[in-house]
Amino acid sequence: MPIIINLDVMLARRKMSLTELSDRVGITMSNLSILKTGKAKAVRLETLESICRVLECQPGDILEFSIG
C-alpha cells in the first residue's frame, strides 16, 4: 500500500503509549492498533484531527505517500 502510517514514530517522539493515546483521543485500542499497523482501509478526518491535536503534530507527520 502506498500510504504509510507513521503513528508509531509520532508516539515514540512524544514518549506516549498507544494506551495513553487511546484514553486521550477516545478511540479504542483495537482501532488505533489497526491504524498503527497500516491495516486500516480508511481514516475519518475527525479521528485524524483528534490524534493530531493530542500528539501536537500535522497530518503529514502521521501519513506518508510512498511511490514504488
PDB file of N, CA and C in Angstrom:
ATOM      1  N   MET A   1       0.855  -1.182   0.000  1.00  0.00           N
ATOM      2  CA  MET A   1       0.000   0.000   0.000  1.00  0.00           C
ATOM      3  C   MET A   1       0.898   1.242   0.000  1.00  0.00           C
ATOM      4  N   PRO A   2       0.623   2.187  -0.874  1.00  0.00           N
ATOM      5  CA  PRO A   2       1.490   3.359  -0.982  1.00  0.00           C
ATOM      6  C   PRO A   2       1.338   4.380   0.151  1.00  0.00           C
ATOM      7  N   ILE A   3       0.325   4.234   0.998  1.00  0.00           N
ATOM      8  CA  ILE A   3       0.173   5.132   2.150  1.00  0.00           C
ATOM      9  C   ILE A   3       0.804   4.448   3.360  1.00  0.00           C
ATOM     10  N   ILE A   4       1.755   5.124   3.961  1.00  0.00           N
ATOM     11  CA  ILE A   4       2.446   4.596   5.141  1.00  0.00           C
ATOM     12  C   ILE A   4       1.966   5.372   6.367  1.00  0.00           C
ATOM     13  N   ILE A   5       1.626   4.651   7.414  1.00  0.00           N
ATOM     14  CA  ILE A   5       1.164   5.248   8.658  1.00  0.00           C
ATOM     15  C   ILE A   5       2.342   5.303   9.628  1.00  0.00           C
ATOM     16  N   ASN A   6       2.719   6.494  10.038  1.00  0.00           N
ATOM     17  CA  ASN A   6       3.843   6.686  10.951  1.00  0.00           C
ATOM     18  C   ASN A   6       3.392   7.009  12.372  1.00  0.00           C
ATOM     19  N   LEU A   7       2.281   6.421  12.776  1.00  0.00           N
ATOM     20  CA  LEU A   7       1.756   6.688  14.113  1.00  0.00           C
ATOM     21  C   LEU A   7       2.732   6.227  15.194  1.00  0.00           C
ATOM     22  N   ASP A   8       3.368   5.088  14.988  1.00  0.00           N
ATOM     23  CA  ASP A   8       4.317   4.596  15.985  1.00  0.00           C
ATOM     24  C   ASP A   8       5.516   5.534  16.138  1.00  0.00           C
ATOM     25  N   VAL A   9       5.930   6.165  15.040  1.00  0.00           N
ATOM     26  CA  VAL A   9       7.040   7.122  15.095  1.00  0.00           C
ATOM     27  C   VAL A   9       6.649   8.334  15.930  1.00  0.00           C
ATOM     28  N   MET A  10       5.441   8.857  15.690  1.00  0.00           N
ATOM     29  CA  MET A  10       4.988  10.027  16.446  1.00  0.00           C
ATOM     30  C   MET A  10       4.778   9.694  17.915  1.00  0.00           C
ATOM     31  N   LEU A  11       4.284   8.506  18.194  1.00  0.00           N
ATOM     32  CA  LEU A  11       4.124   8.096  19.598  1.00  0.00           C
ATOM     33  C   LEU A  11       5.482   8.036  20.295  1.00  0.00           C
ATOM     34  N   ALA A  12       6.479   7.503  19.615  1.00  0.00           N
ATOM     35  CA  ALA A  12       7.822   7.427  20.196  1.00  0.00           C
ATOM     36  C   ALA A  12       8.393   8.824  20.417  1.00  0.00           C
ATOM     37  N   ARG A  13       8.203   9.718  19.453  1.00  0.00           N
ATOM     38  CA  ARG A  13       8.706  11.088  19.595  1.00  0.00           C
ATOM     39  C   ARG A  13       8.059  11.807  20.770  1.00  0.00           C
ATOM     40  N   ARG A  14       6.797  11.529  21.014  1.00  0.00           N
ATOM     41  CA  ARG A  14       6.068  12.181  22.104  1.00  0.00           C
ATOM     42  C   ARG A  14       6.160  11.400  23.407  1.00  0.00           C
ATOM     43  N   LYS A  15       6.861  10.259  23.358  1.00  0.00           N
ATOM     44  CA  LYS A  15       7.004   9.387  24.538  1.00  0.00           C
ATOM     45  C   LYS A  15       5.630   9.053  25.124  1.00  0.00           C
ATOM     46  N   MET A  16       4.749   8.615  24.235  1.00  0.00           N
ATOM     47  CA  MET A  16       3.379   8.301  24.620  1.00  0.00           C
ATOM     48  C   MET A  16       3.059   6.874  24.187  1.00  0.00           C
ATOM     49  N   SER A  17       2.339   6.160  25.019  1.00  0.00           N
ATOM     50  CA  SER A  17       1.941   4.797  24.685  1.00  0.00           C
ATOM     51  C   SER A  17       0.637   4.822  23.890  1.00  0.00           C
ATOM     52  N   LEU A  18       0.377   3.720  23.214  1.00  0.00           N
ATOM     53  CA  LEU A  18      -0.872   3.588  22.469  1.00  0.00           C
ATOM     54  C   LEU A  18      -2.056   3.644  23.428  1.00  0.00           C
ATOM     55  N   THR A  19      -1.871   3.101  24.622  1.00  0.00           N
ATOM     56  CA  THR A  19      -2.925   3.131  25.642  1.00  0.00           C
ATOM     57  C   THR A  19      -3.251   4.563  26.044  1.00  0.00           C
ATOM     58  N   GLU A  20      -2.222   5.368  26.268  1.00  0.00           N
ATOM     59  CA  GLU A  20      -2.443   6.764  26.648  1.00  0.00           C
ATOM     60  C   GLU A  20      -3.130   7.529  25.528  1.00  0.00           C
ATOM     61  N   LEU A  21      -2.683   7.306  24.286  1.00  0.00           N
ATOM     62  CA  LEU A  21      -3.321   7.965  23.139  1.00  0.00           C
ATOM     63  C   LEU A  21      -4.782   7.564  23.048  1.00  0.00           C
ATOM     64  N   SER A  22      -5.057   6.288  23.230  1.00  0.00           N
ATOM     65  CA  SER A  22      -6.429   5.790  23.193  1.00  0.00           C
ATOM     66  C   SER A  22      -7.298   6.497  24.227  1.00  0.00           C
ATOM     67  N   ASP A  23      -6.789   6.633  25.434  1.00  0.00           N
ATOM     68  CA  ASP A  23      -7.535   7.294  26.511  1.00  0.00           C
ATOM     69  C   ASP A  23      -7.779   8.771  26.195  1.00  0.00           C
ATOM     70  N   ARG A  24      -6.763   9.442  25.678  1.00  0.00           N
ATOM     71  CA  ARG A  24      -6.861  10.882  25.439  1.00  0.00           C
ATOM     72  C   ARG A  24      -7.683  11.233  24.199  1.00  0.00           C
ATOM     73  N   VAL A  25      -7.689  10.328  23.212  1.00  0.00           N
ATOM     74  CA  VAL A  25      -8.420  10.595  21.970  1.00  0.00           C
ATOM     75  C   VAL A  25      -9.840  10.040  22.031  1.00  0.00           C
ATOM     76  N   GLY A  26     -10.034   8.989  22.825  1.00  0.00           N
ATOM     77  CA  GLY A  26     -11.355   8.375  22.917  1.00  0.00           C
ATOM     78  C   GLY A  26     -11.612   7.373  21.805  1.00  0.00           C
ATOM     79  N   ILE A  27     -10.551   6.740  21.334  1.00  0.00           N
ATOM     80  CA  ILE A  27     -10.647   5.716  20.300  1.00  0.00           C
ATOM     81  C   ILE A  27     -10.170   4.412  20.914  1.00  0.00           C
ATOM     82  N   THR A  28     -10.832   3.317  20.571  1.00  0.00           N
ATOM     83  CA  THR A  28     -10.463   2.038  21.169  1.00  0.00           C
ATOM     84  C   THR A  28      -9.044   1.638  20.784  1.00  0.00           C
ATOM     85  N   MET A  29      -8.435   0.866  21.662  1.00  0.00           N
ATOM     86  CA  MET A  29      -7.085   0.361  21.403  1.00  0.00           C
ATOM     87  C   MET A  29      -7.057  -0.457  20.116  1.00  0.00           C
ATOM     88  N   SER A  30      -8.083  -1.257  19.891  1.00  0.00           N
ATOM     89  CA  SER A  30      -8.084  -2.101  18.688  1.00  0.00           C
ATOM     90  C   SER A  30      -8.128  -1.258  17.415  1.00  0.00           C
ATOM     91  N   ASN A  31      -8.907  -0.183  17.408  1.00  0.00           N
ATOM     92  CA  ASN A  31      -8.955   0.680  16.230  1.00  0.00           C
ATOM     93  C   ASN A  31      -7.638   1.417  16.016  1.00  0.00           C
ATOM     94  N   LEU A  32      -7.021   1.886  17.089  1.00  0.00           N
ATOM     95  CA  LEU A  32      -5.719   2.538  16.958  1.00  0.00           C
ATOM     96  C   LEU A  32      -4.655   1.544  16.504  1.00  0.00           C
ATOM     97  N   SER A  33      -4.737   0.328  16.981  1.00  0.00           N
ATOM     98  CA  SER A  33      -3.781  -0.708  16.582  1.00  0.00           C
ATOM     99  C   SER A  33      -3.902  -1.014  15.096  1.00  0.00           C
ATOM    100  N   ILE A  34      -5.126  -1.085  14.602  1.00  0.00           N
ATOM    101  CA  ILE A  34      -5.359  -1.318  13.167  1.00  0.00           C
ATOM    102  C   ILE A  34      -4.760  -0.174  12.354  1.00  0.00           C
ATOM    103  N   LEU A  35      -4.946   1.029  12.833  1.00  0.00           N
ATOM    104  CA  LEU A  35      -4.378   2.192  12.149  1.00  0.00           C
ATOM    105  C   LEU A  35      -2.851   2.152  12.203  1.00  0.00           C
ATOM    106  N   LYS A  36      -2.309   1.887  13.369  1.00  0.00           N
ATOM    107  CA  LYS A  36      -0.856   1.888  13.568  1.00  0.00           C
ATOM    108  C   LYS A  36      -0.153   0.850  12.698  1.00  0.00           C
ATOM    109  N   THR A  37      -0.766  -0.301  12.527  1.00  0.00           N
ATOM    110  CA  THR A  37      -0.147  -1.368  11.735  1.00  0.00           C
ATOM    111  C   THR A  37      -0.381  -1.206  10.237  1.00  0.00           C
ATOM    112  N   GLY A  38      -1.120  -0.168   9.849  1.00  0.00           N
ATOM    113  CA  GLY A  38      -1.350   0.080   8.429  1.00  0.00           C
ATOM    114  C   GLY A  38      -2.433  -0.794   7.818  1.00  0.00           C
ATOM    115  N   LYS A  39      -3.237  -1.452   8.643  1.00  0.00           N
ATOM    116  CA  LYS A  39      -4.288  -2.336   8.145  1.00  0.00           C
ATOM    117  C   LYS A  39      -5.615  -1.613   7.919  1.00  0.00           C
ATOM    118  N   ALA A  40      -5.685  -0.353   8.308  1.00  0.00           N
ATOM    119  CA  ALA A  40      -6.925   0.418   8.139  1.00  0.00           C
ATOM    120  C   ALA A  40      -7.145   0.724   6.665  1.00  0.00           C
ATOM    121  N   LYS A  41      -8.373   0.637   6.236  1.00  0.00           N
ATOM    122  CA  LYS A  41      -8.734   0.964   4.851  1.00  0.00           C
ATOM    123  C   LYS A  41      -9.099   2.429   4.698  1.00  0.00           C
ATOM    124  N   ALA A  42      -9.439   3.076   5.813  1.00  0.00           N
ATOM    125  CA  ALA A  42      -9.840   4.487   5.788  1.00  0.00           C
ATOM    126  C   ALA A  42      -9.617   5.093   7.167  1.00  0.00           C
ATOM    127  N   VAL A  43      -9.481   6.412   7.183  1.00  0.00           N
ATOM    128  CA  VAL A  43      -9.350   7.149   8.443  1.00  0.00           C
ATOM    129  C   VAL A  43     -10.295   8.340   8.368  1.00  0.00           C
ATOM    130  N   ARG A  44     -11.149   8.471   9.354  1.00  0.00           N
ATOM    131  CA  ARG A  44     -12.044   9.626   9.389  1.00  0.00           C
ATOM    132  C   ARG A  44     -11.223  10.866   9.699  1.00  0.00           C
ATOM    133  N   LEU A  45     -11.568  11.962   9.052  1.00  0.00           N
ATOM    134  CA  LEU A  45     -10.858  13.208   9.295  1.00  0.00           C
ATOM    135  C   LEU A  45     -10.991  13.641  10.748  1.00  0.00           C
ATOM    136  N   GLU A  46     -12.115  13.366  11.345  1.00  0.00           N
ATOM    137  CA  GLU A  46     -12.332  13.684  12.754  1.00  0.00           C
ATOM    138  C   GLU A  46     -11.342  12.915  13.641  1.00  0.00           C
ATOM    139  N   THR A  47     -11.115  11.660  13.300  1.00  0.00           N
ATOM    140  CA  THR A  47     -10.156  10.836  14.034  1.00  0.00           C
ATOM    141  C   THR A  47      -8.744  11.369  13.856  1.00  0.00           C
ATOM    142  N   LEU A  48      -8.370  11.678  12.614  1.00  0.00           N
ATOM    143  CA  LEU A  48      -7.049  12.213  12.326  1.00  0.00           C
ATOM    144  C   LEU A  48      -6.832  13.539  13.053  1.00  0.00           C
ATOM    145  N   GLU A  49      -7.862  14.369  13.069  1.00  0.00           N
ATOM    146  CA  GLU A  49      -7.776  15.654  13.771  1.00  0.00           C
ATOM    147  C   GLU A  49      -7.537  15.451  15.267  1.00  0.00           C
ATOM    148  N   SER A  50      -8.255  14.519  15.866  1.00  0.00           N
ATOM    149  CA  SER A  50      -8.100  14.249  17.299  1.00  0.00           C
ATOM    150  C   SER A  50      -6.702  13.734  17.621  1.00  0.00           C
ATOM    151  N   ILE A  51      -6.194  12.836  16.790  1.00  0.00           N
ATOM    152  CA  ILE A  51      -4.860  12.293  17.003  1.00  0.00           C
ATOM    153  C   ILE A  51      -3.817  13.407  16.879  1.00  0.00           C
ATOM    154  N   CYS A  52      -3.956  14.238  15.852  1.00  0.00           N
ATOM    155  CA  CYS A  52      -3.011  15.339  15.651  1.00  0.00           C
ATOM    156  C   CYS A  52      -3.063  16.342  16.800  1.00  0.00           C
ATOM    157  N   ARG A  53      -4.246  16.591  17.308  1.00  0.00           N
ATOM    158  CA  ARG A  53      -4.383  17.529  18.429  1.00  0.00           C
ATOM    159  C   ARG A  53      -3.644  16.999  19.658  1.00  0.00           C
ATOM    160  N   VAL A  54      -3.835  15.724  19.974  1.00  0.00           N
ATOM    161  CA  VAL A  54      -3.203  15.128  21.154  1.00  0.00           C
ATOM    162  C   VAL A  54      -1.688  15.020  20.968  1.00  0.00           C
ATOM    163  N   LEU A  55      -1.240  14.635  19.770  1.00  0.00           N
ATOM    164  CA  LEU A  55       0.193  14.463  19.523  1.00  0.00           C
ATOM    165  C   LEU A  55       0.881  15.763  19.116  1.00  0.00           C
ATOM    166  N   GLU A  56       0.090  16.826  18.980  1.00  0.00           N
ATOM    167  CA  GLU A  56       0.613  18.134  18.579  1.00  0.00           C
ATOM    168  C   GLU A  56       1.467  18.007  17.312  1.00  0.00           C
ATOM    169  N   CYS A  57       0.829  17.485  16.260  1.00  0.00           N
ATOM    170  CA  CYS A  57       1.527  17.288  15.000  1.00  0.00           C
ATOM    171  C   CYS A  57       0.593  17.605  13.836  1.00  0.00           C
ATOM    172  N   GLN A  58       1.112  17.516  12.642  1.00  0.00           N
ATOM    173  CA  GLN A  58       0.347  17.722  11.424  1.00  0.00           C
ATOM    174  C   GLN A  58      -0.021  16.360  10.828  1.00  0.00           C
ATOM    175  N   PRO A  59      -1.099  16.291  10.033  1.00  0.00           N
ATOM    176  CA  PRO A  59      -1.454  15.012   9.396  1.00  0.00           C
ATOM    177  C   PRO A  59      -0.300  14.414   8.591  1.00  0.00           C
ATOM    178  N   GLY A  60       0.512  15.255   7.964  1.00  0.00           N
ATOM    179  CA  GLY A  60       1.645  14.766   7.193  1.00  0.00           C
ATOM    180  C   GLY A  60       2.724  14.128   8.047  1.00  0.00           C
ATOM    181  N   ASP A  61       2.693  14.365   9.354  1.00  0.00           N
ATOM    182  CA  ASP A  61       3.638  13.700  10.253  1.00  0.00           C
ATOM    183  C   ASP A  61       3.230  12.249  10.478  1.00  0.00           C
ATOM    184  N   ILE A  62       1.952  11.952  10.277  1.00  0.00           N
ATOM    185  CA  ILE A  62       1.417  10.622  10.511  1.00  0.00           C
ATOM    186  C   ILE A  62       1.256   9.840   9.201  1.00  0.00           C
ATOM    187  N   LEU A  63       0.816  10.521   8.153  1.00  0.00           N
ATOM    188  CA  LEU A  63       0.568   9.873   6.864  1.00  0.00           C
ATOM    189  C   LEU A  63       1.663  10.226   5.871  1.00  0.00           C
ATOM    190  N   GLU A  64       2.121   9.220   5.156  1.00  0.00           N
ATOM    191  CA  GLU A  64       3.180   9.406   4.162  1.00  0.00           C
ATOM    192  C   GLU A  64       2.800   8.650   2.898  1.00  0.00           C
ATOM    193  N   PHE A  65       3.022   9.266   1.751  1.00  0.00           N
ATOM    194  CA  PHE A  65       2.762   8.606   0.475  1.00  0.00           C
ATOM    195  C   PHE A  65       4.075   8.107  -0.094  1.00  0.00           C
ATOM    196  N   SER A  66       4.121   6.827  -0.408  1.00  0.00           N
ATOM    197  CA  SER A  66       5.337   6.217  -0.939  1.00  0.00           C
ATOM    198  C   SER A  66       5.105   5.779  -2.382  1.00  0.00           C
ATOM    199  N   ILE A  67       5.972   6.221  -3.258  1.00  0.00           N
ATOM    200  CA  ILE A  67       5.879   5.813  -4.674  1.00  0.00           C
ATOM    201  C   ILE A  67       6.788   4.605  -4.870  1.00  0.00           C
ATOM    202  N   GLY A  68       6.207   3.588  -5.453  1.00  0.00           N
ATOM    203  CA  GLY A  68       7.045   2.422  -5.772  1.00  0.00           C
ATOM    204  C   GLY A  68       6.790   1.327  -4.895  1.00  0.00           C
TER     205      GLY A  68
END
